[in-house]
Amino acid sequence: MVQGFEFSLGSRRSAMTLPTLQSFPMYSPQLLDHFEHPRNAGEIADPDASVQIENPACGDILKLTLKVTANRISEIRFLAKGCVPAMACGSQITELVQGRTIQEAKQIRRQELIDKIGGLPEASAHASHLAMDALKAVLKKL
């Protein structure tokens, strides 16, 4: 579905359409789904571990908070500010980690994240690095 709007050029008017996310074939359906319907979004009050990582090159920010029960990640939440892939990777990393032991979570690899999100354009690889860096940092705090 395409939405339109009008803008004025002096006395001339012109109609312009804005594409929706689905019209960008560079993003997989899985990535778009995580962006449009994020899982585990938010912040845990009184978490067992919390970290906020920023990519200095692009300014994307990812915050992870988590709770651990019986050596398992019982709850994990994310907050993200940045591009579509950064937000989607934040959502996907929480799904990959939820319910795993701390040791199992440490074994997650970037390629697993990329595969689950349906792939990333090369220009968006930084989003998967941000998610993995945040995961590594938060697990170090446990």
N, C-alpha and C. Protein backbone atom coordinates (compact mmCIF):
# COMPACT_ATOMS: atom_id res chain seq x y z
N MET A 1 0.85 -1.17 0.00
CA MET A 1 0.00 0.00 0.00
C MET A 1 0.90 1.24 0.00
N VAL A 2 0.60 2.18 -0.86
CA VAL A 2 1.40 3.39 -0.98
C VAL A 2 0.58 4.57 -0.49
N GLN A 3 1.20 5.38 0.34
CA GLN A 3 0.53 6.56 0.86
C GLN A 3 1.01 7.77 0.08
N GLY A 4 0.11 8.73 -0.16
CA GLY A 4 0.50 9.92 -0.90
C GLY A 4 0.33 11.16 -0.05
N PHE A 5 1.02 12.21 -0.46
CA PHE A 5 0.83 13.50 0.18
C PHE A 5 1.12 14.57 -0.87
N GLU A 6 0.66 15.76 -0.60
CA GLU A 6 0.91 16.87 -1.51
C GLU A 6 1.91 17.82 -0.88
N PHE A 7 2.75 18.38 -1.70
CA PHE A 7 3.63 19.44 -1.23
C PHE A 7 3.55 20.58 -2.24
N SER A 8 3.84 21.74 -1.76
CA SER A 8 3.68 22.93 -2.59
C SER A 8 5.02 23.41 -3.10
N LEU A 9 5.06 23.74 -4.39
CA LEU A 9 6.25 24.35 -4.99
C LEU A 9 5.83 25.72 -5.50
N GLY A 10 5.80 26.66 -4.57
CA GLY A 10 5.32 27.99 -4.93
C GLY A 10 3.84 27.90 -5.26
N SER A 11 3.47 28.29 -6.47
CA SER A 11 2.07 28.24 -6.84
C SER A 11 1.70 26.91 -7.47
N ARG A 12 2.72 26.04 -7.76
CA ARG A 12 2.44 24.72 -8.33
C ARG A 12 2.25 23.70 -7.23
N ARG A 13 1.36 22.79 -7.45
CA ARG A 13 1.17 21.68 -6.51
C ARG A 13 1.54 20.39 -7.23
N SER A 14 2.14 19.49 -6.49
CA SER A 14 2.54 18.22 -7.07
C SER A 14 2.25 17.11 -6.06
N ALA A 15 1.79 15.98 -6.54
CA ALA A 15 1.53 14.84 -5.66
C ALA A 15 2.78 13.97 -5.63
N MET A 16 3.11 13.47 -4.45
CA MET A 16 4.28 12.62 -4.29
C MET A 16 3.86 11.43 -3.43
N THR A 17 4.33 10.24 -3.76
CA THR A 17 3.98 9.06 -2.97
C THR A 17 5.18 8.63 -2.14
N LEU A 18 4.88 8.12 -0.98
CA LEU A 18 5.91 7.58 -0.09
C LEU A 18 5.75 6.07 -0.05
N PRO A 19 6.81 5.32 -0.31
CA PRO A 19 6.71 3.87 -0.27
C PRO A 19 6.66 3.36 1.17
N THR A 20 6.05 2.21 1.36
CA THR A 20 6.07 1.56 2.66
C THR A 20 7.31 0.68 2.72
N LEU A 21 7.58 0.10 3.87
CA LEU A 21 8.76 -0.74 4.02
C LEU A 21 8.74 -1.95 3.09
N GLN A 22 7.54 -2.48 2.80
CA GLN A 22 7.45 -3.66 1.94
C GLN A 22 7.95 -3.38 0.53
N SER A 23 8.03 -2.14 0.13
CA SER A 23 8.47 -1.83 -1.22
C SER A 23 10.00 -1.78 -1.34
N PHE A 24 10.71 -2.08 -0.28
CA PHE A 24 12.16 -2.15 -0.31
C PHE A 24 12.60 -3.61 -0.37
N PRO A 25 12.90 -4.13 -1.55
CA PRO A 25 13.23 -5.55 -1.67
C PRO A 25 14.54 -5.94 -1.00
N MET A 26 15.34 -4.96 -0.57
CA MET A 26 16.61 -5.28 0.07
C MET A 26 16.42 -5.90 1.46
N TYR A 27 15.26 -5.71 2.05
CA TYR A 27 14.99 -6.25 3.38
C TYR A 27 14.13 -7.50 3.28
N SER A 28 14.50 -8.53 4.03
CA SER A 28 13.75 -9.78 4.02
C SER A 28 12.42 -9.61 4.74
N PRO A 29 11.47 -10.48 4.45
CA PRO A 29 10.19 -10.44 5.18
C PRO A 29 10.38 -10.61 6.69
N GLN A 30 11.35 -11.44 7.10
CA GLN A 30 11.61 -11.64 8.53
C GLN A 30 12.11 -10.35 9.18
N LEU A 31 13.03 -9.66 8.50
CA LEU A 31 13.56 -8.41 9.03
C LEU A 31 12.45 -7.38 9.16
N LEU A 32 11.65 -7.24 8.13
CA LEU A 32 10.55 -6.27 8.18
C LEU A 32 9.54 -6.62 9.27
N ASP A 33 9.30 -7.91 9.47
CA ASP A 33 8.37 -8.32 10.52
C ASP A 33 8.90 -7.93 11.90
N HIS A 34 10.19 -8.13 12.13
CA HIS A 34 10.77 -7.75 13.43
C HIS A 34 10.76 -6.23 13.63
N PHE A 35 10.92 -5.49 12.54
CA PHE A 35 10.86 -4.03 12.65
C PHE A 35 9.43 -3.56 12.92
N GLU A 36 8.48 -4.10 12.18
CA GLU A 36 7.10 -3.65 12.31
C GLU A 36 6.40 -4.21 13.54
N HIS A 37 6.85 -5.38 14.00
CA HIS A 37 6.25 -6.04 15.17
C HIS A 37 7.37 -6.52 16.09
N PRO A 38 8.08 -5.59 16.74
CA PRO A 38 9.24 -5.98 17.56
C PRO A 38 8.84 -6.88 18.72
N ARG A 39 9.69 -7.83 18.98
CA ARG A 39 9.51 -8.74 20.11
C ARG A 39 10.35 -8.24 21.29
N ASN A 40 9.81 -8.38 22.47
CA ASN A 40 10.55 -8.07 23.70
C ASN A 40 11.07 -6.63 23.75
N ALA A 41 10.30 -5.70 23.21
CA ALA A 41 10.70 -4.30 23.26
C ALA A 41 10.44 -3.74 24.65
N GLY A 42 11.30 -2.84 25.07
CA GLY A 42 11.14 -2.20 26.37
C GLY A 42 12.36 -2.39 27.23
N GLU A 43 12.16 -2.19 28.51
CA GLU A 43 13.27 -2.23 29.46
C GLU A 43 12.79 -2.95 30.71
N ILE A 44 13.62 -3.79 31.28
CA ILE A 44 13.30 -4.52 32.50
C ILE A 44 13.65 -3.66 33.70
N ALA A 45 12.71 -3.52 34.62
CA ALA A 45 12.99 -2.81 35.87
C ALA A 45 13.85 -3.72 36.74
N ASP A 46 14.85 -3.17 37.35
CA ASP A 46 15.76 -3.92 38.22
C ASP A 46 16.34 -5.17 37.54
N PRO A 47 17.02 -4.99 36.40
CA PRO A 47 17.58 -6.14 35.68
C PRO A 47 18.81 -6.71 36.39
N ASP A 48 19.15 -7.95 36.06
CA ASP A 48 20.39 -8.55 36.56
C ASP A 48 21.59 -8.01 35.79
N ALA A 49 21.36 -7.60 34.55
CA ALA A 49 22.42 -6.99 33.74
C ALA A 49 21.79 -6.05 32.73
N SER A 50 22.52 -5.00 32.41
CA SER A 50 22.06 -3.99 31.47
C SER A 50 23.25 -3.40 30.76
N VAL A 51 23.09 -3.11 29.48
CA VAL A 51 24.16 -2.49 28.71
C VAL A 51 23.54 -1.65 27.60
N GLN A 52 24.21 -0.56 27.28
CA GLN A 52 23.81 0.27 26.15
C GLN A 52 25.05 0.47 25.28
N ILE A 53 24.93 0.12 24.01
CA ILE A 53 26.04 0.20 23.06
C ILE A 53 25.64 1.15 21.95
N GLU A 54 26.59 2.00 21.53
CA GLU A 54 26.35 2.90 20.42
C GLU A 54 27.39 2.66 19.34
N ASN A 55 26.94 2.66 18.10
CA ASN A 55 27.84 2.57 16.97
C ASN A 55 28.27 4.00 16.65
N PRO A 56 29.52 4.35 16.90
CA PRO A 56 29.95 5.74 16.70
C PRO A 56 29.93 6.17 15.24
N ALA A 57 30.00 5.23 14.32
CA ALA A 57 30.02 5.58 12.90
C ALA A 57 28.66 6.05 12.40
N CYS A 58 27.57 5.37 12.84
CA CYS A 58 26.25 5.71 12.32
C CYS A 58 25.31 6.28 13.38
N GLY A 59 25.66 6.11 14.65
CA GLY A 59 24.83 6.65 15.72
C GLY A 59 23.74 5.72 16.21
N ASP A 60 23.63 4.51 15.64
CA ASP A 60 22.64 3.55 16.14
C ASP A 60 22.95 3.19 17.59
N ILE A 61 21.90 3.02 18.39
CA ILE A 61 22.05 2.68 19.81
C ILE A 61 21.18 1.47 20.11
N LEU A 62 21.74 0.52 20.88
CA LEU A 62 20.98 -0.66 21.31
C LEU A 62 21.21 -0.86 22.80
N LYS A 63 20.12 -0.97 23.53
CA LYS A 63 20.18 -1.25 24.97
C LYS A 63 19.53 -2.60 25.23
N LEU A 64 20.23 -3.45 25.98
CA LEU A 64 19.69 -4.74 26.39
C LEU A 64 19.62 -4.79 27.91
N THR A 65 18.51 -5.28 28.44
CA THR A 65 18.37 -5.55 29.86
C THR A 65 17.87 -6.98 29.99
N LEU A 66 18.36 -7.68 31.02
CA LEU A 66 17.92 -9.07 31.17
C LEU A 66 17.87 -9.51 32.62
N LYS A 67 17.08 -10.56 32.83
CA LYS A 67 16.96 -11.24 34.12
C LYS A 67 17.39 -12.68 33.93
N VAL A 68 18.03 -13.23 34.96
CA VAL A 68 18.48 -14.61 34.93
C VAL A 68 17.82 -15.36 36.08
N THR A 69 17.29 -16.54 35.77
CA THR A 69 16.70 -17.42 36.78
C THR A 69 17.27 -18.81 36.56
N ALA A 70 17.88 -19.38 37.59
CA ALA A 70 18.47 -20.73 37.53
C ALA A 70 19.42 -20.86 36.33
N ASN A 71 20.29 -19.88 36.17
CA ASN A 71 21.31 -19.84 35.13
C ASN A 71 20.75 -19.75 33.71
N ARG A 72 19.46 -19.44 33.57
CA ARG A 72 18.84 -19.25 32.26
C ARG A 72 18.37 -17.80 32.12
N ILE A 73 18.44 -17.29 30.92
CA ILE A 73 17.95 -15.94 30.65
C ILE A 73 16.43 -16.04 30.60
N SER A 74 15.81 -15.64 31.69
CA SER A 74 14.36 -15.80 31.82
C SER A 74 13.59 -14.66 31.17
N GLU A 75 14.23 -13.50 31.04
CA GLU A 75 13.59 -12.36 30.42
C GLU A 75 14.66 -11.46 29.83
N ILE A 76 14.40 -10.95 28.63
CA ILE A 76 15.31 -10.02 27.97
C ILE A 76 14.49 -9.02 27.19
N ARG A 77 14.90 -7.77 27.26
CA ARG A 77 14.21 -6.68 26.56
C ARG A 77 15.25 -5.82 25.85
N PHE A 78 14.79 -5.11 24.82
CA PHE A 78 15.69 -4.23 24.09
C PHE A 78 15.02 -2.88 23.83
N LEU A 79 15.85 -1.87 23.73
CA LEU A 79 15.47 -0.55 23.24
C LEU A 79 16.47 -0.22 22.15
N ALA A 80 15.99 0.30 21.03
CA ALA A 80 16.88 0.62 19.92
C ALA A 80 16.52 1.96 19.33
N LYS A 81 17.54 2.63 18.87
CA LYS A 81 17.37 3.87 18.12
C LYS A 81 18.31 3.76 16.93
N GLY A 82 17.73 3.85 15.75
CA GLY A 82 18.58 3.75 14.56
C GLY A 82 17.81 3.28 13.36
N CYS A 83 18.53 2.64 12.47
CA CYS A 83 17.97 2.20 11.20
C CYS A 83 17.07 0.99 11.37
N VAL A 84 16.33 0.67 10.32
CA VAL A 84 15.41 -0.47 10.32
C VAL A 84 16.14 -1.77 10.70
N PRO A 85 17.29 -2.10 10.07
CA PRO A 85 17.98 -3.33 10.44
C PRO A 85 18.46 -3.36 11.90
N ALA A 86 18.89 -2.22 12.44
CA ALA A 86 19.35 -2.19 13.84
C ALA A 86 18.21 -2.53 14.78
N MET A 87 17.03 -2.00 14.52
CA MET A 87 15.88 -2.29 15.37
C MET A 87 15.46 -3.75 15.21
N ALA A 88 15.46 -4.25 13.99
CA ALA A 88 15.09 -5.64 13.75
C ALA A 88 16.08 -6.60 14.39
N CYS A 89 17.37 -6.30 14.31
CA CYS A 89 18.38 -7.16 14.93
C CYS A 89 18.26 -7.14 16.45
N GLY A 90 17.89 -6.00 17.02
CA GLY A 90 17.64 -5.92 18.46
C GLY A 90 16.51 -6.84 18.87
N SER A 91 15.45 -6.84 18.11
CA SER A 91 14.31 -7.72 18.37
C SER A 91 14.70 -9.19 18.22
N GLN A 92 15.38 -9.51 17.12
CA GLN A 92 15.75 -10.90 16.85
C GLN A 92 16.72 -11.45 17.87
N ILE A 93 17.67 -10.65 18.34
CA ILE A 93 18.64 -11.16 19.31
C ILE A 93 17.94 -11.56 20.61
N THR A 94 16.88 -10.83 20.97
CA THR A 94 16.17 -11.20 22.20
C THR A 94 15.48 -12.56 22.03
N GLU A 95 14.96 -12.83 20.84
CA GLU A 95 14.33 -14.13 20.60
C GLU A 95 15.35 -15.25 20.62
N LEU A 96 16.53 -14.99 20.10
CA LEU A 96 17.57 -16.02 20.10
C LEU A 96 18.05 -16.36 21.51
N VAL A 97 18.05 -15.37 22.38
CA VAL A 97 18.62 -15.54 23.73
C VAL A 97 17.61 -16.04 24.76
N GLN A 98 16.37 -15.60 24.64
CA GLN A 98 15.33 -15.93 25.63
C GLN A 98 15.29 -17.43 25.92
N GLY A 99 15.41 -17.79 27.18
CA GLY A 99 15.31 -19.18 27.62
C GLY A 99 16.60 -19.97 27.58
N ARG A 100 17.62 -19.44 26.99
CA ARG A 100 18.90 -20.16 26.93
C ARG A 100 19.69 -19.97 28.22
N THR A 101 20.59 -20.90 28.47
CA THR A 101 21.51 -20.71 29.59
C THR A 101 22.49 -19.62 29.19
N ILE A 102 23.19 -19.10 30.18
CA ILE A 102 24.19 -18.07 29.90
C ILE A 102 25.25 -18.62 28.96
N GLN A 103 25.68 -19.85 29.20
CA GLN A 103 26.70 -20.47 28.34
C GLN A 103 26.18 -20.66 26.91
N GLU A 104 24.93 -21.08 26.76
CA GLU A 104 24.34 -21.23 25.42
C GLU A 104 24.25 -19.87 24.71
N ALA A 105 23.89 -18.84 25.45
CA ALA A 105 23.79 -17.50 24.87
C ALA A 105 25.15 -17.02 24.38
N LYS A 106 26.21 -17.38 25.10
CA LYS A 106 27.57 -16.99 24.69
C LYS A 106 27.99 -17.69 23.40
N GLN A 107 27.34 -18.78 23.05
CA GLN A 107 27.69 -19.53 21.85
C GLN A 107 26.99 -19.02 20.59
N ILE A 108 26.06 -18.09 20.73
CA ILE A 108 25.36 -17.54 19.57
C ILE A 108 26.37 -16.79 18.70
N ARG A 109 26.30 -17.02 17.42
CA ARG A 109 27.19 -16.38 16.47
C ARG A 109 26.42 -15.40 15.59
N ARG A 110 27.13 -14.44 15.06
CA ARG A 110 26.53 -13.41 14.23
C ARG A 110 25.80 -14.01 13.03
N GLN A 111 26.36 -15.05 12.43
CA GLN A 111 25.74 -15.66 11.26
C GLN A 111 24.37 -16.26 11.61
N GLU A 112 24.24 -16.78 12.83
CA GLU A 112 22.95 -17.31 13.28
C GLU A 112 21.91 -16.18 13.32
N LEU A 113 22.30 -15.03 13.84
CA LEU A 113 21.42 -13.87 13.87
C LEU A 113 21.04 -13.45 12.45
N ILE A 114 22.01 -13.36 11.57
CA ILE A 114 21.76 -12.96 10.18
C ILE A 114 20.82 -13.95 9.49
N ASP A 115 21.05 -15.24 9.71
CA ASP A 115 20.18 -16.26 9.10
C ASP A 115 18.75 -16.14 9.61
N LYS A 116 18.59 -15.95 10.91
CA LYS A 116 17.24 -15.85 11.50
C LYS A 116 16.50 -14.60 11.03
N ILE A 117 17.22 -13.53 10.77
CA ILE A 117 16.60 -12.28 10.33
C ILE A 117 16.36 -12.29 8.81
N GLY A 118 16.78 -13.37 8.15
CA GLY A 118 16.54 -13.50 6.72
C GLY A 118 17.58 -12.83 5.85
N GLY A 119 18.75 -12.56 6.42
CA GLY A 119 19.82 -11.91 5.68
C GLY A 119 19.80 -10.40 5.85
N LEU A 120 20.94 -9.81 5.56
CA LEU A 120 21.10 -8.35 5.65
C LEU A 120 21.83 -7.85 4.42
N PRO A 121 21.43 -6.71 3.90
CA PRO A 121 22.24 -6.10 2.84
C PRO A 121 23.62 -5.78 3.40
N GLU A 122 24.63 -5.82 2.56
CA GLU A 122 26.00 -5.56 3.02
C GLU A 122 26.12 -4.23 3.74
N ALA A 123 25.41 -3.23 3.25
CA ALA A 123 25.47 -1.90 3.87
C ALA A 123 24.86 -1.88 5.27
N SER A 124 24.12 -2.92 5.62
CA SER A 124 23.46 -2.98 6.93
C SER A 124 24.12 -3.96 7.89
N ALA A 125 25.27 -4.49 7.53
CA ALA A 125 25.97 -5.46 8.37
C ALA A 125 26.25 -4.90 9.76
N HIS A 126 26.42 -3.58 9.86
CA HIS A 126 26.71 -2.95 11.15
C HIS A 126 25.62 -3.26 12.18
N ALA A 127 24.39 -3.47 11.73
CA ALA A 127 23.28 -3.75 12.66
C ALA A 127 23.48 -5.07 13.39
N SER A 128 23.95 -6.08 12.68
CA SER A 128 24.21 -7.37 13.34
C SER A 128 25.41 -7.28 14.28
N HIS A 129 26.40 -6.49 13.91
CA HIS A 129 27.56 -6.30 14.80
C HIS A 129 27.13 -5.59 16.09
N LEU A 130 26.27 -4.59 15.96
CA LEU A 130 25.78 -3.87 17.13
C LEU A 130 25.04 -4.82 18.07
N ALA A 131 24.16 -5.64 17.53
CA ALA A 131 23.40 -6.59 18.36
C ALA A 131 24.32 -7.59 19.05
N MET A 132 25.30 -8.09 18.32
CA MET A 132 26.22 -9.07 18.91
C MET A 132 27.14 -8.42 19.94
N ASP A 133 27.58 -7.21 19.68
CA ASP A 133 28.41 -6.50 20.66
C ASP A 133 27.63 -6.25 21.95
N ALA A 134 26.37 -5.87 21.81
CA ALA A 134 25.53 -5.63 23.00
C ALA A 134 25.31 -6.92 23.77
N LEU A 135 25.05 -8.01 23.06
CA LEU A 135 24.85 -9.30 23.73
C LEU A 135 26.11 -9.71 24.48
N LYS A 136 27.25 -9.62 23.83
CA LYS A 136 28.53 -9.99 24.46
C LYS A 136 28.76 -9.14 25.71
N ALA A 137 28.50 -7.84 25.61
CA ALA A 137 28.73 -6.93 26.74
C ALA A 137 27.80 -7.21 27.90
N VAL A 138 26.52 -7.48 27.63
CA VAL A 138 25.58 -7.73 28.72
C VAL A 138 25.87 -9.06 29.41
N LEU A 139 26.31 -10.05 28.64
CA LEU A 139 26.64 -11.35 29.24
C LEU A 139 27.89 -11.26 30.11
N LYS A 140 28.80 -10.38 29.77
CA LYS A 140 30.00 -10.17 30.61
C LYS A 140 29.66 -9.63 31.98
N LYS A 141 28.52 -8.97 32.08
CA LYS A 141 28.12 -8.36 33.35
C LYS A 141 27.48 -9.34 34.32
N LEU A 142 27.26 -10.56 33.86
CA LEU A 142 26.61 -11.57 34.73
C LEU A 142 27.63 -12.32 35.57
